[in-house]
Amino acid sequence: MSEQHDYDGIRYREEKHSPAIFRIFLTVLAVWAVAFMGHYLFSGWSSQSEADAVKRARDSKKQTAHKLVEATGAGVAGSGHKVEDYVAAGKNMFGSLCAACHGESANGGVGPDLTRSTYKYGKSRLDLTKTINEGRPGGMPSFSSQVSSEQVESLVEYLLTLK
């Protein structure tokens, strides 16, 4: 019996194995895929960790600038902004954004009392900035899309003056 068949004028020959070049290519591709996944999934690399490192560096620079402002009471690197200006702007922002939940005098309401010496998620500049930008579980919404970074800094300066 012949291994070649004729279907509608098309000669068909049933192969028992695929061409060697395809088998080699598939094997190389599978080995590369496993090595790639092993390297990037299990080595601790992630684009999120790189983004977090950049954010930590930026936050560290911001923290240093704020310490300079506190130490001198002057503007940040000659920007013309004084801490008192930030606090005044932050007080206005608090009245429009935060007072509904935290009360006009920040003594609490729906949201927690902001005149306490410690907060649940921390009372440092970085913690307050993260809370305002990202929100917190249990009711604190994210304001990152509603306020600029300078407005957040103003609000943080105001919150740090509350006692």
N, C-alpha and C. Protein backbone atom coordinates (compact mmCIF):
# COMPACT_ATOMS: atom_id res chain seq x y z
N MET A 1 0.84 -1.17 0.00
CA MET A 1 0.00 0.00 0.00
C MET A 1 0.89 1.24 0.00
N SER A 2 0.55 2.20 -0.77
CA SER A 2 1.32 3.42 -0.92
C SER A 2 1.04 4.36 0.26
N GLU A 3 2.09 5.10 0.69
CA GLU A 3 1.91 6.06 1.77
C GLU A 3 1.43 7.39 1.25
N GLN A 4 1.32 7.57 -0.01
CA GLN A 4 0.82 8.80 -0.59
C GLN A 4 -0.62 8.61 -1.00
N HIS A 5 -1.45 9.59 -0.68
CA HIS A 5 -2.86 9.55 -1.03
C HIS A 5 -3.18 10.78 -1.86
N ASP A 6 -4.20 10.64 -2.67
CA ASP A 6 -4.59 11.72 -3.56
C ASP A 6 -6.01 12.13 -3.20
N TYR A 7 -6.17 13.38 -2.71
CA TYR A 7 -7.48 13.91 -2.38
C TYR A 7 -7.73 15.11 -3.28
N ASP A 8 -8.68 15.01 -4.14
CA ASP A 8 -9.05 16.10 -5.04
C ASP A 8 -7.84 16.68 -5.77
N GLY A 9 -6.95 15.87 -6.15
CA GLY A 9 -5.79 16.32 -6.90
C GLY A 9 -4.65 16.80 -6.04
N ILE A 10 -4.82 16.79 -4.73
CA ILE A 10 -3.77 17.22 -3.81
C ILE A 10 -3.12 15.98 -3.23
N ARG A 11 -1.84 15.90 -3.40
CA ARG A 11 -1.15 14.73 -2.87
C ARG A 11 -0.90 14.94 -1.37
N TYR A 12 -1.25 13.96 -0.60
CA TYR A 12 -1.12 14.02 0.85
C TYR A 12 -0.25 12.85 1.29
N ARG A 13 0.75 13.18 2.08
CA ARG A 13 1.60 12.13 2.62
C ARG A 13 1.62 12.29 4.13
N GLU A 14 1.21 11.32 4.83
CA GLU A 14 1.13 11.38 6.29
C GLU A 14 2.53 11.29 6.88
N GLU A 15 2.94 12.34 7.60
CA GLU A 15 4.25 12.37 8.23
C GLU A 15 4.15 11.76 9.61
N LYS A 16 5.16 11.03 9.98
CA LYS A 16 5.20 10.46 11.32
C LYS A 16 5.86 11.41 12.31
N HIS A 17 6.75 12.29 11.85
CA HIS A 17 7.45 13.25 12.70
C HIS A 17 7.46 14.61 12.02
N SER A 18 7.46 15.64 12.83
CA SER A 18 7.59 16.99 12.29
C SER A 18 9.04 17.20 11.86
N PRO A 19 9.30 18.19 11.02
CA PRO A 19 10.68 18.45 10.59
C PRO A 19 11.58 18.74 11.80
N ALA A 20 12.79 18.30 11.72
CA ALA A 20 13.75 18.42 12.83
C ALA A 20 13.95 19.88 13.24
N ILE A 21 13.98 20.79 12.29
CA ILE A 21 14.22 22.20 12.62
C ILE A 21 13.10 22.75 13.50
N PHE A 22 11.87 22.34 13.27
CA PHE A 22 10.75 22.79 14.11
C PHE A 22 10.84 22.22 15.52
N ARG A 23 11.26 20.95 15.62
CA ARG A 23 11.41 20.36 16.96
C ARG A 23 12.52 21.06 17.73
N ILE A 24 13.62 21.38 17.05
CA ILE A 24 14.73 22.08 17.70
C ILE A 24 14.29 23.47 18.13
N PHE A 25 13.62 24.19 17.24
CA PHE A 25 13.14 25.54 17.55
C PHE A 25 12.17 25.52 18.74
N LEU A 26 11.26 24.57 18.77
CA LEU A 26 10.30 24.47 19.88
C LEU A 26 11.03 24.17 21.20
N THR A 27 12.01 23.30 21.17
CA THR A 27 12.78 22.96 22.38
C THR A 27 13.55 24.19 22.89
N VAL A 28 14.20 24.91 21.99
CA VAL A 28 14.94 26.11 22.38
C VAL A 28 13.99 27.15 22.95
N LEU A 29 12.84 27.33 22.33
CA LEU A 29 11.85 28.29 22.80
C LEU A 29 11.33 27.91 24.19
N ALA A 30 11.07 26.65 24.43
CA ALA A 30 10.58 26.19 25.74
C ALA A 30 11.64 26.40 26.81
N VAL A 31 12.90 26.09 26.51
CA VAL A 31 13.99 26.29 27.48
C VAL A 31 14.14 27.78 27.79
N TRP A 32 14.09 28.62 26.76
CA TRP A 32 14.20 30.06 26.97
C TRP A 32 13.04 30.56 27.83
N ALA A 33 11.81 30.11 27.59
CA ALA A 33 10.65 30.55 28.36
C ALA A 33 10.79 30.18 29.83
N VAL A 34 11.23 28.98 30.11
CA VAL A 34 11.41 28.55 31.50
C VAL A 34 12.51 29.38 32.17
N ALA A 35 13.60 29.61 31.46
CA ALA A 35 14.69 30.43 32.04
C ALA A 35 14.23 31.86 32.28
N PHE A 36 13.49 32.42 31.34
CA PHE A 36 12.97 33.78 31.47
C PHE A 36 12.04 33.89 32.68
N MET A 37 11.10 32.97 32.81
CA MET A 37 10.18 33.00 33.95
C MET A 37 10.93 32.79 35.26
N GLY A 38 11.87 31.87 35.26
CA GLY A 38 12.64 31.63 36.48
C GLY A 38 13.41 32.86 36.91
N HIS A 39 14.01 33.53 35.95
CA HIS A 39 14.80 34.73 36.29
C HIS A 39 13.91 35.86 36.79
N TYR A 40 12.86 36.18 36.08
CA TYR A 40 12.06 37.35 36.41
C TYR A 40 11.00 37.10 37.47
N LEU A 41 10.51 35.91 37.58
CA LEU A 41 9.48 35.65 38.59
C LEU A 41 10.06 35.27 39.94
N PHE A 42 11.17 34.57 39.93
CA PHE A 42 11.69 34.06 41.19
C PHE A 42 12.95 34.77 41.69
N SER A 43 13.47 35.70 40.92
CA SER A 43 14.68 36.40 41.35
C SER A 43 14.39 37.64 42.18
N GLY A 44 13.12 37.99 42.36
CA GLY A 44 12.78 39.17 43.13
C GLY A 44 12.67 40.42 42.30
N TRP A 45 12.96 40.34 41.01
CA TRP A 45 12.85 41.50 40.14
C TRP A 45 11.40 41.80 39.87
N SER A 46 11.05 43.06 39.87
CA SER A 46 9.72 43.47 39.40
C SER A 46 9.76 44.95 39.10
N SER A 47 8.99 45.36 38.15
CA SER A 47 8.93 46.77 37.83
C SER A 47 8.30 47.54 38.99
N GLN A 48 7.46 46.89 39.79
CA GLN A 48 6.85 47.55 40.94
C GLN A 48 7.92 47.89 41.98
N SER A 49 8.87 47.00 42.20
CA SER A 49 9.92 47.30 43.17
C SER A 49 10.80 48.45 42.70
N GLU A 50 11.04 48.53 41.39
CA GLU A 50 11.80 49.65 40.87
C GLU A 50 11.02 50.96 41.05
N ALA A 51 9.73 50.92 40.79
CA ALA A 51 8.90 52.11 40.97
C ALA A 51 8.87 52.52 42.44
N ASP A 52 8.79 51.54 43.33
CA ASP A 52 8.81 51.85 44.77
C ASP A 52 10.14 52.47 45.18
N ALA A 53 11.24 52.00 44.62
CA ALA A 53 12.55 52.57 44.94
C ALA A 53 12.63 54.02 44.48
N VAL A 54 12.12 54.31 43.30
CA VAL A 54 12.11 55.69 42.80
C VAL A 54 11.25 56.56 43.71
N LYS A 55 10.10 56.04 44.12
CA LYS A 55 9.19 56.80 45.00
C LYS A 55 9.84 57.05 46.35
N ARG A 56 10.52 56.04 46.91
CA ARG A 56 11.22 56.23 48.19
C ARG A 56 12.29 57.30 48.07
N ALA A 57 13.03 57.30 46.97
CA ALA A 57 14.08 58.31 46.78
C ALA A 57 13.45 59.71 46.69
N ARG A 58 12.34 59.83 45.96
CA ARG A 58 11.65 61.12 45.83
C ARG A 58 11.11 61.56 47.18
N ASP A 59 10.52 60.64 47.94
CA ASP A 59 9.99 60.98 49.26
C ASP A 59 11.10 61.37 50.22
N SER A 60 12.25 60.73 50.09
CA SER A 60 13.39 61.07 50.94
C SER A 60 13.87 62.50 50.65
N LYS A 61 13.92 62.86 49.36
CA LYS A 61 14.31 64.23 49.01
C LYS A 61 13.29 65.22 49.54
N LYS A 62 12.02 64.87 49.47
CA LYS A 62 10.97 65.75 49.97
C LYS A 62 11.08 65.91 51.48
N GLN A 63 11.36 64.81 52.17
CA GLN A 63 11.51 64.84 53.63
C GLN A 63 12.68 65.74 54.02
N THR A 64 13.78 65.66 53.28
CA THR A 64 14.94 66.50 53.55
C THR A 64 14.60 67.97 53.34
N ALA A 65 13.86 68.26 52.28
CA ALA A 65 13.47 69.64 52.01
C ALA A 65 12.56 70.17 53.12
N HIS A 66 11.65 69.33 53.61
CA HIS A 66 10.76 69.77 54.70
C HIS A 66 11.54 70.00 55.99
N LYS A 67 12.54 69.18 56.26
CA LYS A 67 13.36 69.40 57.46
C LYS A 67 14.11 70.72 57.35
N LEU A 68 14.58 71.04 56.14
CA LEU A 68 15.25 72.31 55.92
C LEU A 68 14.29 73.47 56.18
N VAL A 69 13.05 73.33 55.72
CA VAL A 69 12.05 74.37 55.94
C VAL A 69 11.78 74.54 57.43
N GLU A 70 11.64 73.43 58.14
CA GLU A 70 11.39 73.51 59.59
C GLU A 70 12.56 74.17 60.31
N ALA A 71 13.77 73.83 59.90
CA ALA A 71 14.96 74.35 60.58
C ALA A 71 15.13 75.85 60.36
N THR A 72 14.85 76.30 59.15
CA THR A 72 15.08 77.70 58.84
C THR A 72 13.84 78.56 58.96
N GLY A 73 12.67 77.95 58.79
CA GLY A 73 11.43 78.72 58.81
C GLY A 73 11.27 79.53 57.54
N ALA A 74 12.14 79.31 56.58
CA ALA A 74 12.10 80.06 55.32
C ALA A 74 11.56 79.17 54.22
N GLY A 75 11.65 79.69 53.00
CA GLY A 75 11.15 78.94 51.85
C GLY A 75 12.08 77.81 51.48
N VAL A 76 11.58 76.91 50.65
CA VAL A 76 12.38 75.78 50.19
C VAL A 76 13.26 76.25 49.04
N ALA A 77 14.55 76.27 49.27
CA ALA A 77 15.54 76.61 48.24
C ALA A 77 15.16 77.86 47.46
N GLY A 78 14.74 78.90 48.17
CA GLY A 78 14.43 80.16 47.52
C GLY A 78 13.16 80.15 46.70
N SER A 79 12.23 79.24 46.99
CA SER A 79 11.01 79.17 46.18
C SER A 79 10.05 80.29 46.50
N GLY A 80 10.30 81.03 47.58
CA GLY A 80 9.41 82.13 47.93
C GLY A 80 8.24 81.69 48.80
N HIS A 81 8.15 80.41 49.11
CA HIS A 81 7.06 79.91 49.94
C HIS A 81 7.54 79.76 51.37
N LYS A 82 6.77 80.29 52.28
CA LYS A 82 7.09 80.14 53.70
C LYS A 82 6.16 79.10 54.29
N VAL A 83 6.58 78.51 55.39
CA VAL A 83 5.77 77.50 56.06
C VAL A 83 4.40 78.07 56.42
N GLU A 84 4.37 79.33 56.85
CA GLU A 84 3.09 79.94 57.23
C GLU A 84 2.13 79.99 56.04
N ASP A 85 2.68 80.21 54.84
CA ASP A 85 1.85 80.22 53.63
C ASP A 85 1.26 78.84 53.37
N TYR A 86 2.09 77.82 53.54
CA TYR A 86 1.60 76.45 53.35
C TYR A 86 0.52 76.11 54.37
N VAL A 87 0.74 76.50 55.64
CA VAL A 87 -0.23 76.21 56.69
C VAL A 87 -1.56 76.91 56.40
N ALA A 88 -1.51 78.17 55.99
CA ALA A 88 -2.74 78.91 55.69
C ALA A 88 -3.49 78.27 54.52
N ALA A 89 -2.75 77.90 53.48
CA ALA A 89 -3.39 77.24 52.34
C ALA A 89 -3.95 75.88 52.75
N GLY A 90 -3.21 75.17 53.60
CA GLY A 90 -3.68 73.86 54.08
C GLY A 90 -4.93 73.98 54.92
N LYS A 91 -5.03 75.04 55.72
CA LYS A 91 -6.23 75.25 56.54
C LYS A 91 -7.45 75.47 55.65
N ASN A 92 -7.28 76.25 54.59
CA ASN A 92 -8.38 76.46 53.65
C ASN A 92 -8.79 75.15 52.98
N MET A 93 -7.80 74.38 52.56
CA MET A 93 -8.09 73.08 51.92
C MET A 93 -8.78 72.15 52.90
N PHE A 94 -8.34 72.15 54.16
CA PHE A 94 -8.96 71.29 55.16
C PHE A 94 -10.45 71.63 55.29
N GLY A 95 -10.75 72.93 55.33
CA GLY A 95 -12.15 73.35 55.45
C GLY A 95 -13.01 72.86 54.29
N SER A 96 -12.45 72.83 53.09
CA SER A 96 -13.25 72.44 51.93
C SER A 96 -13.26 70.93 51.67
N LEU A 97 -12.17 70.23 52.00
CA LEU A 97 -12.09 68.81 51.68
C LEU A 97 -12.29 67.88 52.87
N CYS A 98 -11.80 68.27 54.03
CA CYS A 98 -11.69 67.33 55.14
C CYS A 98 -12.68 67.56 56.27
N ALA A 99 -13.15 68.80 56.42
CA ALA A 99 -13.99 69.13 57.57
C ALA A 99 -15.28 68.34 57.62
N ALA A 100 -15.81 67.94 56.49
CA ALA A 100 -17.06 67.18 56.47
C ALA A 100 -16.94 65.88 57.26
N CYS A 101 -15.79 65.24 57.21
CA CYS A 101 -15.60 63.97 57.94
C CYS A 101 -14.87 64.14 59.27
N HIS A 102 -13.89 65.04 59.31
CA HIS A 102 -13.05 65.18 60.50
C HIS A 102 -13.49 66.31 61.40
N GLY A 103 -14.53 67.05 61.03
CA GLY A 103 -15.02 68.16 61.84
C GLY A 103 -14.28 69.45 61.54
N GLU A 104 -14.96 70.58 61.78
CA GLU A 104 -14.37 71.90 61.50
C GLU A 104 -13.09 72.13 62.31
N SER A 105 -13.06 71.65 63.55
CA SER A 105 -11.87 71.84 64.38
C SER A 105 -10.97 70.60 64.39
N ALA A 106 -11.24 69.65 63.49
CA ALA A 106 -10.44 68.42 63.33
C ALA A 106 -10.51 67.50 64.54
N ASN A 107 -11.56 67.65 65.36
CA ASN A 107 -11.70 66.81 66.55
C ASN A 107 -12.40 65.49 66.26
N GLY A 108 -12.69 65.22 65.03
CA GLY A 108 -13.31 63.95 64.67
C GLY A 108 -14.78 64.11 64.37
N GLY A 109 -15.33 63.11 63.84
CA GLY A 109 -16.72 63.04 63.44
C GLY A 109 -16.88 61.68 62.82
N VAL A 110 -17.16 61.66 61.53
CA VAL A 110 -17.16 60.39 60.82
C VAL A 110 -15.73 59.86 60.76
N GLY A 111 -14.79 60.74 60.50
CA GLY A 111 -13.37 60.39 60.47
C GLY A 111 -12.75 60.57 61.84
N PRO A 112 -11.52 60.10 62.03
CA PRO A 112 -10.88 60.17 63.34
C PRO A 112 -10.46 61.59 63.74
N ASP A 113 -10.17 61.74 65.02
CA ASP A 113 -9.68 62.99 65.59
C ASP A 113 -8.26 63.24 65.10
N LEU A 114 -8.03 64.37 64.44
CA LEU A 114 -6.72 64.68 63.90
C LEU A 114 -5.89 65.56 64.82
N THR A 115 -6.41 65.86 66.01
CA THR A 115 -5.64 66.65 66.97
C THR A 115 -4.85 65.77 67.93
N ARG A 116 -4.96 64.45 67.78
CA ARG A 116 -4.20 63.54 68.64
C ARG A 116 -2.72 63.58 68.30
N SER A 117 -1.91 63.08 69.22
CA SER A 117 -0.46 63.12 69.00
C SER A 117 0.00 62.02 68.04
N THR A 118 -0.77 60.94 67.92
CA THR A 118 -0.42 59.88 66.99
C THR A 118 -1.64 59.52 66.15
N TYR A 119 -1.38 59.04 64.96
CA TYR A 119 -2.44 58.57 64.07
C TYR A 119 -2.26 57.07 63.84
N LYS A 120 -3.33 56.44 63.45
CA LYS A 120 -3.29 54.99 63.22
C LYS A 120 -2.25 54.62 62.17
N TYR A 121 -2.14 55.40 61.10
CA TYR A 121 -1.21 55.08 60.01
C TYR A 121 0.04 55.95 60.04
N GLY A 122 0.29 56.64 61.13
CA GLY A 122 1.50 57.44 61.28
C GLY A 122 1.25 58.91 61.04
N LYS A 123 2.06 59.75 61.70
CA LYS A 123 1.86 61.20 61.63
C LYS A 123 3.07 61.90 61.01
N SER A 124 3.93 61.15 60.31
CA SER A 124 5.06 61.80 59.63
C SER A 124 4.55 62.41 58.32
N ARG A 125 5.36 63.26 57.74
CA ARG A 125 4.98 63.89 56.47
C ARG A 125 4.69 62.84 55.40
N LEU A 126 5.56 61.85 55.34
CA LEU A 126 5.39 60.82 54.32
C LEU A 126 4.11 60.02 54.56
N ASP A 127 3.83 59.68 55.81
CA ASP A 127 2.61 58.92 56.12
C ASP A 127 1.37 59.73 55.79
N LEU A 128 1.37 61.00 56.16
CA LEU A 128 0.21 61.85 55.87
C LEU A 128 0.02 62.05 54.36
N THR A 129 1.12 62.24 53.65
CA THR A 129 1.04 62.39 52.20
C THR A 129 0.46 61.14 51.56
N LYS A 130 0.92 59.99 52.01
CA LYS A 130 0.41 58.72 51.47
C LYS A 130 -1.08 58.56 51.79
N THR A 131 -1.48 58.91 53.00
CA THR A 131 -2.89 58.80 53.39
C THR A 131 -3.76 59.70 52.52
N ILE A 132 -3.34 60.91 52.30
CA ILE A 132 -4.14 61.84 51.50
C ILE A 132 -4.19 61.39 50.04
N ASN A 133 -3.05 61.00 49.50
CA ASN A 133 -3.00 60.61 48.09
C ASN A 133 -3.69 59.28 47.81
N GLU A 134 -3.46 58.28 48.65
CA GLU A 134 -3.94 56.93 48.36
C GLU A 134 -5.19 56.55 49.13
N GLY A 135 -5.52 57.29 50.20
CA GLY A 135 -6.65 56.91 51.02
C GLY A 135 -6.28 55.77 51.96
N ARG A 136 -7.24 55.38 52.80
CA ARG A 136 -7.03 54.28 53.75
C ARG A 136 -8.30 53.44 53.81
N PRO A 137 -8.16 52.16 54.15
CA PRO A 137 -9.35 51.31 54.26
C PRO A 137 -10.27 51.79 55.38
N GLY A 138 -11.53 51.65 55.18
CA GLY A 138 -12.48 52.01 56.23
C GLY A 138 -13.07 53.40 56.06
N GLY A 139 -12.89 54.02 54.92
CA GLY A 139 -13.59 55.28 54.70
C GLY A 139 -12.78 56.44 54.18
N MET A 140 -11.46 56.45 54.37
CA MET A 140 -10.66 57.57 53.88
C MET A 140 -10.46 57.43 52.38
N PRO A 141 -11.04 58.36 51.59
CA PRO A 141 -10.90 58.25 50.13
C PRO A 141 -9.55 58.79 49.66
N SER A 142 -9.20 58.44 48.45
CA SER A 142 -7.99 58.95 47.81
C SER A 142 -8.29 60.32 47.20
N PHE A 143 -7.40 61.27 47.43
CA PHE A 143 -7.57 62.61 46.88
C PHE A 143 -6.54 62.92 45.80
N SER A 144 -5.80 61.92 45.34
CA SER A 144 -4.71 62.17 44.38
C SER A 144 -5.21 62.77 43.08
N SER A 145 -6.43 62.46 42.68
CA SER A 145 -6.94 63.01 41.42
C SER A 145 -7.57 64.38 41.59
N GLN A 146 -7.76 64.82 42.85
CA GLN A 146 -8.45 66.08 43.10
C GLN A 146 -7.52 67.22 43.50
N VAL A 147 -6.35 66.89 44.01
CA VAL A 147 -5.45 67.94 44.51
C VAL A 147 -4.05 67.76 43.92
N SER A 148 -3.33 68.85 43.81
CA SER A 148 -1.95 68.79 43.30
C SER A 148 -1.00 68.41 44.43
N SER A 149 0.22 68.11 44.07
CA SER A 149 1.20 67.74 45.09
C SER A 149 1.49 68.90 46.03
N GLU A 150 1.49 70.12 45.52
CA GLU A 150 1.72 71.29 46.39
C GLU A 150 0.55 71.48 47.36
N GLN A 151 -0.67 71.22 46.90
CA GLN A 151 -1.82 71.32 47.79
C GLN A 151 -1.76 70.25 48.88
N VAL A 152 -1.29 69.06 48.52
CA VAL A 152 -1.12 68.00 49.52
C VAL A 152 -0.09 68.43 50.55
N GLU A 153 1.02 69.01 50.09
CA GLU A 153 2.05 69.48 51.02
C GLU A 153 1.48 70.55 51.96
N SER A 154 0.65 71.43 51.43
CA SER A 154 0.02 72.45 52.27
C SER A 154 -0.87 71.82 53.32
N LEU A 155 -1.65 70.86 52.91
CA LEU A 155 -2.54 70.17 53.84
C LEU A 155 -1.75 69.42 54.91
N VAL A 156 -0.65 68.80 54.52
CA VAL A 156 0.21 68.09 55.48
C VAL A 156 0.80 69.08 56.48
N GLU A 157 1.28 70.22 56.00
CA GLU A 157 1.82 71.24 56.92
C GLU A 157 0.77 71.67 57.92
N TYR A 158 -0.46 71.86 57.47
CA TYR A 158 -1.53 72.26 58.38
C TYR A 158 -1.82 71.15 59.40
N LEU A 159 -1.89 69.91 58.94
CA LEU A 159 -2.18 68.80 59.86
C LEU A 159 -1.11 68.66 60.93
N LEU A 160 0.12 68.94 60.57
CA LEU A 160 1.21 68.83 61.55
C LEU A 160 1.16 69.93 62.60
N THR A 161 0.41 71.01 62.33
CA THR A 161 0.28 72.07 63.33
C THR A 161 -0.85 71.80 64.32
N LEU A 162 -1.72 70.85 64.00
CA LEU A 162 -2.86 70.57 64.88
C LEU A 162 -2.38 69.92 66.18
N LYS A 163 -2.98 70.36 67.27
CA LYS A 163 -2.64 69.80 68.59
C LYS A 163 -3.90 69.53 69.36
